Amino acid sequence: MKSNESAENYLETILVLSHRLPVVRSIDVSVELGFKKSSVSVAMKHLRENGHITVSDAGYITLTESGREIAEMIYERHNFLSGWLMSLGVDENTALEDACRIEHVISQESFAAIKNAVKPQFSLE
């Protein structure tokens, strides 16, 4: 399940949009991220070639099993880390920005250890 930060961000965005919209299209991703349509189009091509998304003839983007796995992992990390940082008194904008950077570089082992250590004092539920 190897992917780069850019791919992870796109997959996470598709996941988030799929919870808000009936269908997700490249234009929706473009608007959400503030990127040019041409840049998103290239990224979608790479995600499709790597088997992380499918795109229907109508242009609807769907996460594949591997794409959903990556997106949910990054989304969980983002929510947990940003919430934890805010619970420590970090400003919301700073916490969101820091979580977005940390979520891509932290190992699964370290994230699990932090979650286990913090869980008794902190819960997003």
N, C-alpha and C. Protein backbone atom coordinates (compact mmCIF):
# COMPACT_ATOMS: atom_id res chain seq x y z
N MET A 1 0.84 -1.20 0.00
CA MET A 1 0.00 0.00 0.00
C MET A 1 0.87 1.24 0.00
N LYS A 2 1.85 1.31 -0.89
CA LYS A 2 2.77 2.43 -0.98
C LYS A 2 2.14 3.54 -1.82
N SER A 3 2.19 4.75 -1.32
CA SER A 3 1.68 5.90 -2.07
C SER A 3 2.44 7.13 -1.62
N ASN A 4 2.35 8.18 -2.42
CA ASN A 4 3.04 9.41 -2.02
C ASN A 4 2.05 10.38 -1.39
N GLU A 5 2.58 11.44 -0.80
CA GLU A 5 1.74 12.40 -0.08
C GLU A 5 0.67 13.01 -0.96
N SER A 6 1.03 13.35 -2.18
CA SER A 6 0.06 13.95 -3.09
C SER A 6 -1.09 12.99 -3.37
N ALA A 7 -0.76 11.74 -3.67
CA ALA A 7 -1.80 10.75 -3.94
C ALA A 7 -2.68 10.56 -2.71
N GLU A 8 -2.06 10.52 -1.53
CA GLU A 8 -2.82 10.37 -0.29
C GLU A 8 -3.78 11.52 -0.09
N ASN A 9 -3.34 12.74 -0.38
CA ASN A 9 -4.21 13.90 -0.24
C ASN A 9 -5.40 13.83 -1.19
N TYR A 10 -5.16 13.43 -2.44
CA TYR A 10 -6.25 13.30 -3.40
C TYR A 10 -7.23 12.22 -2.95
N LEU A 11 -6.72 11.08 -2.52
CA LEU A 11 -7.60 9.99 -2.09
C LEU A 11 -8.42 10.39 -0.87
N GLU A 12 -7.78 11.07 0.08
CA GLU A 12 -8.51 11.55 1.26
C GLU A 12 -9.61 12.54 0.85
N THR A 13 -9.30 13.42 -0.07
CA THR A 13 -10.28 14.40 -0.54
C THR A 13 -11.45 13.72 -1.22
N ILE A 14 -11.17 12.70 -2.04
CA ILE A 14 -12.25 11.96 -2.70
C ILE A 14 -13.14 11.30 -1.63
N LEU A 15 -12.53 10.72 -0.61
CA LEU A 15 -13.30 10.10 0.47
C LEU A 15 -14.19 11.12 1.17
N VAL A 16 -13.63 12.26 1.54
CA VAL A 16 -14.39 13.30 2.23
C VAL A 16 -15.54 13.79 1.35
N LEU A 17 -15.24 14.03 0.08
CA LEU A 17 -16.29 14.50 -0.84
C LEU A 17 -17.38 13.45 -1.03
N SER A 18 -17.01 12.18 -1.02
CA SER A 18 -18.00 11.12 -1.22
C SER A 18 -18.99 11.05 -0.05
N HIS A 19 -18.60 11.58 1.10
CA HIS A 19 -19.52 11.64 2.23
C HIS A 19 -20.47 12.84 2.12
N ARG A 20 -20.07 13.85 1.36
CA ARG A 20 -20.88 15.07 1.23
C ARG A 20 -21.70 15.13 -0.04
N LEU A 21 -21.21 14.50 -1.10
CA LEU A 21 -21.85 14.64 -2.41
C LEU A 21 -22.39 13.29 -2.90
N PRO A 22 -23.43 13.33 -3.73
CA PRO A 22 -23.96 12.07 -4.26
C PRO A 22 -22.96 11.38 -5.20
N VAL A 23 -22.18 12.17 -5.95
CA VAL A 23 -21.12 11.66 -6.82
C VAL A 23 -19.94 12.61 -6.74
N VAL A 24 -18.74 12.08 -7.00
CA VAL A 24 -17.53 12.91 -6.98
C VAL A 24 -16.96 12.95 -8.39
N ARG A 25 -16.67 14.17 -8.84
CA ARG A 25 -16.08 14.38 -10.16
C ARG A 25 -14.76 15.14 -9.98
N SER A 26 -13.94 15.16 -11.00
CA SER A 26 -12.66 15.87 -10.94
C SER A 26 -12.85 17.34 -10.58
N ILE A 27 -13.89 17.97 -11.10
CA ILE A 27 -14.13 19.38 -10.82
C ILE A 27 -14.38 19.59 -9.32
N ASP A 28 -15.05 18.62 -8.68
CA ASP A 28 -15.30 18.73 -7.24
C ASP A 28 -13.98 18.69 -6.46
N VAL A 29 -13.08 17.81 -6.88
CA VAL A 29 -11.77 17.70 -6.25
C VAL A 29 -10.99 18.98 -6.48
N SER A 30 -11.06 19.51 -7.69
CA SER A 30 -10.37 20.75 -8.04
C SER A 30 -10.83 21.91 -7.17
N VAL A 31 -12.13 22.05 -7.02
CA VAL A 31 -12.69 23.14 -6.21
C VAL A 31 -12.32 22.96 -4.74
N GLU A 32 -12.44 21.73 -4.25
CA GLU A 32 -12.15 21.45 -2.83
C GLU A 32 -10.70 21.78 -2.47
N LEU A 33 -9.77 21.42 -3.36
CA LEU A 33 -8.35 21.62 -3.06
C LEU A 33 -7.81 22.95 -3.57
N GLY A 34 -8.59 23.62 -4.43
CA GLY A 34 -8.12 24.89 -4.99
C GLY A 34 -7.03 24.69 -6.03
N PHE A 35 -7.05 23.54 -6.72
CA PHE A 35 -6.06 23.22 -7.75
C PHE A 35 -6.68 23.41 -9.12
N LYS A 36 -5.81 23.62 -10.13
CA LYS A 36 -6.28 23.73 -11.50
C LYS A 36 -6.85 22.39 -11.96
N LYS A 37 -7.88 22.47 -12.82
CA LYS A 37 -8.50 21.25 -13.33
C LYS A 37 -7.49 20.36 -14.04
N SER A 38 -6.55 20.97 -14.74
CA SER A 38 -5.55 20.18 -15.48
C SER A 38 -4.66 19.39 -14.51
N SER A 39 -4.30 19.99 -13.40
CA SER A 39 -3.48 19.28 -12.40
C SER A 39 -4.24 18.11 -11.81
N VAL A 40 -5.50 18.32 -11.50
CA VAL A 40 -6.34 17.26 -10.93
C VAL A 40 -6.53 16.15 -11.95
N SER A 41 -6.69 16.51 -13.21
CA SER A 41 -6.88 15.52 -14.26
C SER A 41 -5.66 14.59 -14.36
N VAL A 42 -4.47 15.15 -14.29
CA VAL A 42 -3.23 14.35 -14.33
C VAL A 42 -3.17 13.44 -13.11
N ALA A 43 -3.51 13.98 -11.95
CA ALA A 43 -3.48 13.19 -10.72
C ALA A 43 -4.49 12.05 -10.78
N MET A 44 -5.68 12.31 -11.31
CA MET A 44 -6.70 11.26 -11.42
C MET A 44 -6.22 10.16 -12.36
N LYS A 45 -5.54 10.55 -13.42
CA LYS A 45 -4.99 9.56 -14.36
C LYS A 45 -4.01 8.63 -13.64
N HIS A 46 -3.13 9.21 -12.83
CA HIS A 46 -2.15 8.40 -12.09
C HIS A 46 -2.84 7.50 -11.06
N LEU A 47 -3.83 8.04 -10.36
CA LEU A 47 -4.56 7.24 -9.38
C LEU A 47 -5.28 6.08 -10.06
N ARG A 48 -5.83 6.34 -11.23
CA ARG A 48 -6.53 5.29 -12.00
C ARG A 48 -5.52 4.24 -12.47
N GLU A 49 -4.38 4.68 -12.99
CA GLU A 49 -3.35 3.76 -13.46
C GLU A 49 -2.79 2.89 -12.33
N ASN A 50 -2.76 3.44 -11.12
CA ASN A 50 -2.26 2.70 -9.96
C ASN A 50 -3.34 1.87 -9.27
N GLY A 51 -4.55 1.90 -9.83
CA GLY A 51 -5.62 1.06 -9.32
C GLY A 51 -6.29 1.57 -8.05
N HIS A 52 -6.16 2.88 -7.76
CA HIS A 52 -6.74 3.44 -6.54
C HIS A 52 -8.13 4.03 -6.75
N ILE A 53 -8.48 4.32 -8.01
CA ILE A 53 -9.81 4.85 -8.33
C ILE A 53 -10.29 4.25 -9.64
N THR A 54 -11.59 4.32 -9.82
CA THR A 54 -12.18 4.07 -11.14
C THR A 54 -12.92 5.34 -11.52
N VAL A 55 -13.03 5.57 -12.82
CA VAL A 55 -13.76 6.73 -13.31
C VAL A 55 -14.77 6.23 -14.34
N SER A 56 -16.04 6.53 -14.10
CA SER A 56 -17.09 6.08 -15.02
C SER A 56 -17.07 6.92 -16.29
N ASP A 57 -17.81 6.47 -17.29
CA ASP A 57 -17.93 7.22 -18.54
C ASP A 57 -18.49 8.62 -18.30
N ALA A 58 -19.30 8.75 -17.25
CA ALA A 58 -19.89 10.05 -16.90
C ALA A 58 -18.92 10.91 -16.08
N GLY A 59 -17.74 10.37 -15.76
CA GLY A 59 -16.75 11.15 -15.02
C GLY A 59 -16.86 11.03 -13.51
N TYR A 60 -17.62 10.06 -13.03
CA TYR A 60 -17.78 9.87 -11.59
C TYR A 60 -16.62 9.05 -11.05
N ILE A 61 -15.99 9.56 -10.00
CA ILE A 61 -14.82 8.93 -9.40
C ILE A 61 -15.25 8.06 -8.22
N THR A 62 -14.76 6.83 -8.21
CA THR A 62 -15.03 5.90 -7.12
C THR A 62 -13.70 5.34 -6.62
N LEU A 63 -13.55 5.27 -5.32
CA LEU A 63 -12.35 4.67 -4.74
C LEU A 63 -12.41 3.15 -4.90
N THR A 64 -11.30 2.54 -5.26
CA THR A 64 -11.21 1.09 -5.26
C THR A 64 -10.91 0.65 -3.83
N GLU A 65 -10.80 -0.64 -3.62
CA GLU A 65 -10.49 -1.14 -2.28
C GLU A 65 -9.15 -0.56 -1.78
N SER A 66 -8.13 -0.58 -2.63
CA SER A 66 -6.82 -0.04 -2.21
C SER A 66 -6.89 1.46 -1.98
N GLY A 67 -7.62 2.16 -2.83
CA GLY A 67 -7.77 3.61 -2.67
C GLY A 67 -8.50 3.97 -1.40
N ARG A 68 -9.57 3.22 -1.10
CA ARG A 68 -10.35 3.47 0.12
C ARG A 68 -9.50 3.17 1.35
N GLU A 69 -8.70 2.12 1.30
CA GLU A 69 -7.84 1.76 2.43
C GLU A 69 -6.86 2.89 2.76
N ILE A 70 -6.23 3.42 1.74
CA ILE A 70 -5.28 4.52 1.93
C ILE A 70 -6.01 5.76 2.44
N ALA A 71 -7.13 6.10 1.79
CA ALA A 71 -7.89 7.30 2.15
C ALA A 71 -8.37 7.23 3.59
N GLU A 72 -8.89 6.08 4.00
CA GLU A 72 -9.40 5.95 5.38
C GLU A 72 -8.27 6.01 6.40
N MET A 73 -7.10 5.47 6.06
CA MET A 73 -5.95 5.54 6.96
C MET A 73 -5.53 7.01 7.17
N ILE A 74 -5.42 7.75 6.08
CA ILE A 74 -5.00 9.15 6.17
C ILE A 74 -6.06 9.98 6.89
N TYR A 75 -7.33 9.72 6.58
CA TYR A 75 -8.43 10.46 7.21
C TYR A 75 -8.47 10.20 8.71
N GLU A 76 -8.27 8.96 9.12
CA GLU A 76 -8.24 8.64 10.55
C GLU A 76 -7.09 9.38 11.24
N ARG A 77 -5.92 9.33 10.63
CA ARG A 77 -4.76 10.01 11.20
C ARG A 77 -5.03 11.51 11.32
N HIS A 78 -5.57 12.09 10.27
CA HIS A 78 -5.84 13.53 10.26
C HIS A 78 -6.80 13.91 11.39
N ASN A 79 -7.91 13.19 11.48
CA ASN A 79 -8.90 13.51 12.51
C ASN A 79 -8.35 13.31 13.91
N PHE A 80 -7.66 12.20 14.11
CA PHE A 80 -7.13 11.92 15.44
C PHE A 80 -6.08 12.95 15.84
N LEU A 81 -5.10 13.17 14.95
CA LEU A 81 -3.99 14.08 15.28
C LEU A 81 -4.46 15.52 15.46
N SER A 82 -5.33 15.99 14.58
CA SER A 82 -5.81 17.38 14.72
C SER A 82 -6.63 17.54 15.98
N GLY A 83 -7.50 16.56 16.27
CA GLY A 83 -8.30 16.62 17.49
C GLY A 83 -7.44 16.57 18.74
N TRP A 84 -6.44 15.71 18.73
CA TRP A 84 -5.54 15.59 19.87
C TRP A 84 -4.77 16.89 20.09
N LEU A 85 -4.23 17.44 19.00
CA LEU A 85 -3.48 18.70 19.13
C LEU A 85 -4.37 19.82 19.67
N MET A 86 -5.60 19.90 19.19
CA MET A 86 -6.52 20.93 19.70
C MET A 86 -6.83 20.69 21.17
N SER A 87 -6.95 19.42 21.57
CA SER A 87 -7.22 19.13 22.99
C SER A 87 -6.05 19.53 23.88
N LEU A 88 -4.87 19.64 23.28
CA LEU A 88 -3.68 20.08 24.02
C LEU A 88 -3.56 21.60 24.05
N GLY A 89 -4.51 22.29 23.38
CA GLY A 89 -4.51 23.74 23.39
C GLY A 89 -3.93 24.38 22.14
N VAL A 90 -3.61 23.57 21.13
CA VAL A 90 -3.08 24.12 19.89
C VAL A 90 -4.22 24.77 19.12
N ASP A 91 -3.97 25.96 18.57
CA ASP A 91 -4.94 26.67 17.75
C ASP A 91 -5.45 25.76 16.63
N GLU A 92 -6.75 25.84 16.32
CA GLU A 92 -7.36 24.94 15.34
C GLU A 92 -6.66 24.96 13.99
N ASN A 93 -6.38 26.14 13.44
CA ASN A 93 -5.72 26.21 12.14
C ASN A 93 -4.34 25.56 12.17
N THR A 94 -3.59 25.82 13.23
CA THR A 94 -2.26 25.22 13.37
C THR A 94 -2.38 23.71 13.51
N ALA A 95 -3.32 23.26 14.32
CA ALA A 95 -3.52 21.82 14.53
C ALA A 95 -3.88 21.13 13.22
N LEU A 96 -4.75 21.73 12.43
CA LEU A 96 -5.15 21.13 11.15
C LEU A 96 -3.98 21.08 10.18
N GLU A 97 -3.20 22.16 10.11
CA GLU A 97 -2.04 22.19 9.22
C GLU A 97 -0.98 21.19 9.66
N ASP A 98 -0.70 21.14 10.96
CA ASP A 98 0.31 20.20 11.46
C ASP A 98 -0.13 18.76 11.26
N ALA A 99 -1.40 18.47 11.53
CA ALA A 99 -1.91 17.12 11.35
C ALA A 99 -1.78 16.69 9.89
N CYS A 100 -2.03 17.62 8.98
CA CYS A 100 -1.95 17.33 7.55
C CYS A 100 -0.52 16.96 7.15
N ARG A 101 0.46 17.56 7.78
CA ARG A 101 1.85 17.22 7.48
C ARG A 101 2.25 15.91 8.17
N ILE A 102 1.88 15.76 9.42
CA ILE A 102 2.27 14.58 10.20
C ILE A 102 1.64 13.30 9.64
N GLU A 103 0.39 13.39 9.21
CA GLU A 103 -0.35 12.19 8.80
C GLU A 103 0.33 11.41 7.68
N HIS A 104 1.17 12.08 6.89
CA HIS A 104 1.82 11.43 5.76
C HIS A 104 3.17 10.82 6.10
N VAL A 105 3.80 11.28 7.16
CA VAL A 105 5.16 10.82 7.44
C VAL A 105 5.27 9.90 8.64
N ILE A 106 4.26 9.88 9.49
CA ILE A 106 4.32 9.05 10.68
C ILE A 106 4.14 7.57 10.30
N SER A 107 4.93 6.71 10.91
CA SER A 107 4.81 5.28 10.63
C SER A 107 3.54 4.72 11.27
N GLN A 108 3.10 3.57 10.77
CA GLN A 108 1.94 2.92 11.37
C GLN A 108 2.23 2.56 12.82
N GLU A 109 3.45 2.12 13.08
CA GLU A 109 3.84 1.74 14.44
C GLU A 109 3.76 2.92 15.40
N SER A 110 4.32 4.06 14.99
CA SER A 110 4.29 5.24 15.86
C SER A 110 2.88 5.77 16.06
N PHE A 111 2.08 5.78 14.98
CA PHE A 111 0.71 6.26 15.11
C PHE A 111 -0.08 5.38 16.06
N ALA A 112 0.07 4.07 15.94
CA ALA A 112 -0.64 3.13 16.82
C ALA A 112 -0.21 3.33 18.27
N ALA A 113 1.09 3.56 18.48
CA ALA A 113 1.59 3.76 19.85
C ALA A 113 1.03 5.05 20.44
N ILE A 114 0.98 6.11 19.65
CA ILE A 114 0.42 7.38 20.13
C ILE A 114 -1.06 7.20 20.45
N LYS A 115 -1.79 6.55 19.54
CA LYS A 115 -3.22 6.31 19.76
C LYS A 115 -3.46 5.53 21.04
N ASN A 116 -2.67 4.48 21.25
CA ASN A 116 -2.84 3.65 22.45
C ASN A 116 -2.48 4.42 23.72
N ALA A 117 -1.46 5.26 23.66
CA ALA A 117 -1.05 6.02 24.84
C ALA A 117 -2.02 7.14 25.17
N VAL A 118 -2.60 7.72 24.14
CA VAL A 118 -3.46 8.89 24.30
C VAL A 118 -4.91 8.50 24.52
N LYS A 119 -5.33 7.38 23.98
CA LYS A 119 -6.73 6.97 24.01
C LYS A 119 -7.40 7.07 25.38
N PRO A 120 -6.71 6.65 26.48
CA PRO A 120 -7.39 6.75 27.78
C PRO A 120 -7.77 8.19 28.16
N GLN A 121 -6.99 9.18 27.70
CA GLN A 121 -7.28 10.57 28.08
C GLN A 121 -8.06 11.32 26.98
N PHE A 122 -8.03 10.80 25.77
CA PHE A 122 -8.57 11.54 24.64
C PHE A 122 -9.35 10.60 23.74
N SER A 123 -10.53 11.02 23.35
CA SER A 123 -11.32 10.23 22.43
C SER A 123 -12.13 11.16 21.53
N LEU A 124 -12.16 10.84 20.25
CA LEU A 124 -12.95 11.63 19.31
C LEU A 124 -14.41 11.21 19.30
N GLU A 125 -14.72 10.06 19.89
CA GLU A 125 -16.09 9.58 19.89
C GLU A 125 -16.93 10.36 20.88
